[in-house]
Amino acid sequence: MEWDDLWRARRPWKQGWRDEAEPALEDGGGVAVEPEPDELATLRARVSELEVRLAEREAALAEQAQAVTTALERAAGLERQSLDHLRRALLAEHRGEVVAELVEGESPQALLASVERARAAWNAAVEAARRQLAQQQAPAGNVAREQQAALALEGLSPLAKIAHGLQR
């Protein structure tokens, strides 16, 4: 007898097979069919066997799911580590040419693109600093001190000026 035939003839009743106290099943012609005891025992044994196999496969599937989760976590950690290494390499390669805080990204392509933005920001900051320094004019020396020294040495002879310089 094929499984489909067994299924049609003896349908499961909610959680399990029907008990003997329940009404008998009907076949397609409307006649009540009582399962044979040995056939019922065979079917119950088969159901138990299938439930055990199902539990084993579910346990194996849970183990495989855990292994996949662990592998994905490890891969994510390795990806973060490789991105950190790439960032450090890019900063070392472009030291003094980029703003380090602007070199960031969640992928290698994003990191490489951020180097260009960081370089543009660096160049803009350097240019602004150059413009600001060009506008400032600092005196060449301490003018006030030089004026006081000139007044103090004004009436001295050359030999007295030399002696004054050696005393400092």
Protein backbone atom coordinates (compact mmCIF):
# COMPACT_ATOMS: atom_id res chain seq x y z
CA MET A 1 0.00 0.00 0.00
CA GLU A 2 1.42 3.40 -0.98
CA TRP A 3 1.76 6.27 1.46
CA ASP A 4 -0.91 8.33 -0.34
CA ASP A 5 -3.34 5.42 0.00
CA LEU A 6 -2.53 5.09 3.70
CA TRP A 7 -3.00 8.81 4.18
CA ARG A 8 -6.39 8.82 2.50
CA ALA A 9 -7.55 5.74 4.39
CA ARG A 10 -6.26 6.69 7.84
CA ARG A 11 -6.12 10.46 8.30
CA PRO A 12 -4.39 11.80 11.46
CA TRP A 13 -6.80 13.17 14.01
CA LYS A 14 -5.45 16.54 15.30
CA GLN A 15 -2.33 15.73 17.39
CA GLY A 16 -2.28 11.96 17.04
CA TRP A 17 -4.10 8.98 15.64
CA ARG A 18 -7.65 8.46 16.77
CA ASP A 19 -8.30 6.26 19.74
CA GLU A 20 -10.54 3.22 19.56
CA ALA A 21 -13.23 5.13 21.46
CA GLU A 22 -13.55 7.70 18.67
CA PRO A 23 -15.87 7.10 15.74
CA ALA A 24 -14.54 4.96 12.93
CA LEU A 25 -13.18 6.55 9.77
CA GLU A 26 -15.15 6.37 6.58
CA ASP A 27 -13.82 5.39 3.21
CA GLY A 28 -14.89 7.07 -0.01
CA GLY A 29 -18.13 5.03 -0.25
CA GLY A 30 -19.50 6.11 3.13
CA VAL A 31 -18.80 2.77 4.80
CA ALA A 32 -17.06 2.88 8.17
CA VAL A 33 -13.59 1.33 8.07
CA GLU A 34 -11.90 0.10 11.22
CA PRO A 35 -8.11 -0.07 10.98
CA GLU A 36 -6.60 -3.44 11.65
CA PRO A 37 -4.60 -3.53 14.89
CA ASP A 38 -1.35 -4.70 13.29
CA GLU A 39 -1.70 -2.08 10.55
CA LEU A 40 -2.35 0.62 13.16
CA ALA A 41 0.70 -0.48 15.15
CA THR A 42 2.81 -0.41 11.99
CA LEU A 43 1.64 3.09 11.19
CA ARG A 44 2.28 4.31 14.71
CA ALA A 45 5.77 2.82 14.62
CA ARG A 46 6.40 4.52 11.29
CA VAL A 47 5.17 7.84 12.70
CA SER A 48 7.48 7.44 15.71
CA GLU A 49 10.38 6.63 13.43
CA LEU A 50 9.66 9.69 11.27
CA GLU A 51 9.36 11.90 14.35
CA VAL A 52 12.79 10.71 15.54
CA ARG A 53 14.30 11.37 12.12
CA LEU A 54 12.65 14.79 12.06
CA ALA A 55 14.07 15.63 15.50
CA GLU A 56 17.53 14.51 14.36
CA ARG A 57 17.34 16.65 11.25
CA GLU A 58 16.08 19.63 13.22
CA ALA A 59 19.01 19.23 15.63
CA ALA A 60 21.44 19.00 12.71
CA LEU A 61 19.84 22.05 11.13
CA ALA A 62 20.17 23.98 14.41
CA GLU A 63 23.87 23.03 14.58
CA GLN A 64 24.40 24.16 11.00
CA ALA A 65 22.54 27.41 11.67
CA GLN A 66 24.80 28.04 14.68
CA ALA A 67 27.88 27.29 12.56
CA VAL A 68 26.68 29.71 9.88
CA THR A 69 26.01 32.40 12.50
CA THR A 70 29.48 31.92 13.97
CA ALA A 71 31.07 32.05 10.52
CA LEU A 72 29.17 35.24 9.65
CA GLU A 73 30.24 36.90 12.91
CA ARG A 74 33.85 35.90 12.29
CA ALA A 75 33.67 37.18 8.70
CA ALA A 76 32.26 40.51 9.90
CA GLY A 77 35.08 40.81 12.43
CA LEU A 78 37.67 40.04 9.78
CA GLU A 79 36.11 42.58 7.44
CA ARG A 80 36.26 45.28 10.14
CA GLN A 81 39.87 44.34 10.82
CA SER A 82 40.80 44.49 7.14
CA LEU A 83 39.12 47.90 6.81
CA ASP A 84 41.13 49.14 9.82
CA HIS A 85 44.34 47.87 8.20
CA LEU A 86 43.45 49.53 4.89
CA ARG A 87 42.69 52.82 6.67
CA ARG A 88 46.02 52.75 8.49
CA ALA A 89 47.84 51.97 5.23
CA LEU A 90 46.09 54.84 3.45
CA LEU A 91 46.92 57.24 6.30
CA ALA A 92 50.57 56.14 6.25
CA GLU A 93 50.74 56.50 2.47
CA HIS A 94 49.19 59.97 2.48
CA ARG A 95 50.70 61.32 5.74
CA GLY A 96 50.87 65.10 5.66
CA GLU A 97 48.49 65.23 2.67
CA VAL A 98 45.10 64.39 4.21
CA VAL A 99 42.93 65.14 7.24
CA ALA A 100 43.05 61.80 9.11
CA GLU A 101 39.62 62.15 10.70
CA LEU A 102 37.99 62.35 7.28
CA VAL A 103 39.41 59.02 6.06
CA GLU A 104 36.55 56.69 6.95
CA GLY A 105 34.16 54.25 5.32
CA GLU A 106 32.33 50.94 5.59
CA SER A 107 33.89 49.43 2.46
CA PRO A 108 37.25 49.60 0.70
CA GLN A 109 35.71 51.73 -2.06
CA ALA A 110 34.32 54.19 0.50
CA LEU A 111 37.72 54.42 2.20
CA LEU A 112 39.47 55.15 -1.08
CA ALA A 113 36.90 57.80 -1.98
CA SER A 114 37.24 59.42 1.45
CA VAL A 115 40.99 59.87 0.86
CA GLU A 116 40.22 62.27 -1.96
CA ARG A 117 37.79 64.23 0.21
CA ALA A 118 40.33 64.33 3.04
CA ARG A 119 43.04 65.52 0.62
CA ALA A 120 40.75 68.30 -0.66
CA ALA A 121 40.02 69.38 2.93
CA TRP A 122 43.77 69.36 3.73
CA ASN A 123 44.58 71.48 0.69
CA ALA A 124 41.81 73.94 1.56
CA ALA A 125 43.12 74.29 5.14
CA VAL A 126 46.71 74.77 3.97
CA GLU A 127 45.65 77.39 1.43
CA ALA A 128 43.62 79.28 4.07
CA ALA A 129 46.60 79.23 6.44
CA ARG A 130 48.91 80.52 3.71
CA ARG A 131 46.53 83.38 2.90
CA GLN A 132 46.28 84.31 6.56
CA LEU A 133 50.06 84.26 7.04
CA ALA A 134 50.59 86.36 3.93
CA GLN A 135 48.34 89.05 5.40
CA GLN A 136 50.30 89.24 8.65
CA GLN A 137 53.52 91.27 8.82
CA ALA A 138 55.82 90.72 11.73
CA PRO A 139 58.64 93.16 12.54
CA ALA A 140 62.18 91.93 11.98
CA GLY A 141 63.47 92.01 15.57
CA ASN A 142 62.54 93.82 18.78
CA VAL A 143 62.35 97.48 17.81
CA ALA A 144 61.88 98.83 21.35
CA ARG A 145 64.91 96.99 22.74
CA GLU A 146 67.09 98.07 19.86
CA GLN A 147 66.12 101.71 20.40
CA GLN A 148 66.99 101.53 24.13
CA ALA A 149 70.35 99.93 23.41
CA ALA A 150 71.17 102.55 20.79
CA LEU A 151 70.43 105.36 23.27
CA ALA A 152 72.55 103.73 25.98
CA LEU A 153 75.54 103.31 23.66
CA GLU A 154 75.22 106.62 21.86
CA GLY A 155 77.88 108.61 23.70
CA LEU A 156 80.39 105.78 24.33
CA SER A 157 83.70 105.26 22.64
CA PRO A 158 84.31 102.16 20.54
CA LEU A 159 86.35 100.55 23.31
CA ALA A 160 83.55 101.22 25.84
CA LYS A 161 80.96 99.73 23.43
CA ILE A 162 83.06 96.55 23.17
CA ALA A 163 83.38 96.33 26.95
CA HIS A 164 79.61 96.81 27.28
CA GLY A 165 78.95 94.00 24.81
CA LEU A 166 81.29 91.61 26.63
CA GLN A 167 79.54 92.25 29.92
CA ARG A 168 76.23 90.89 28.66
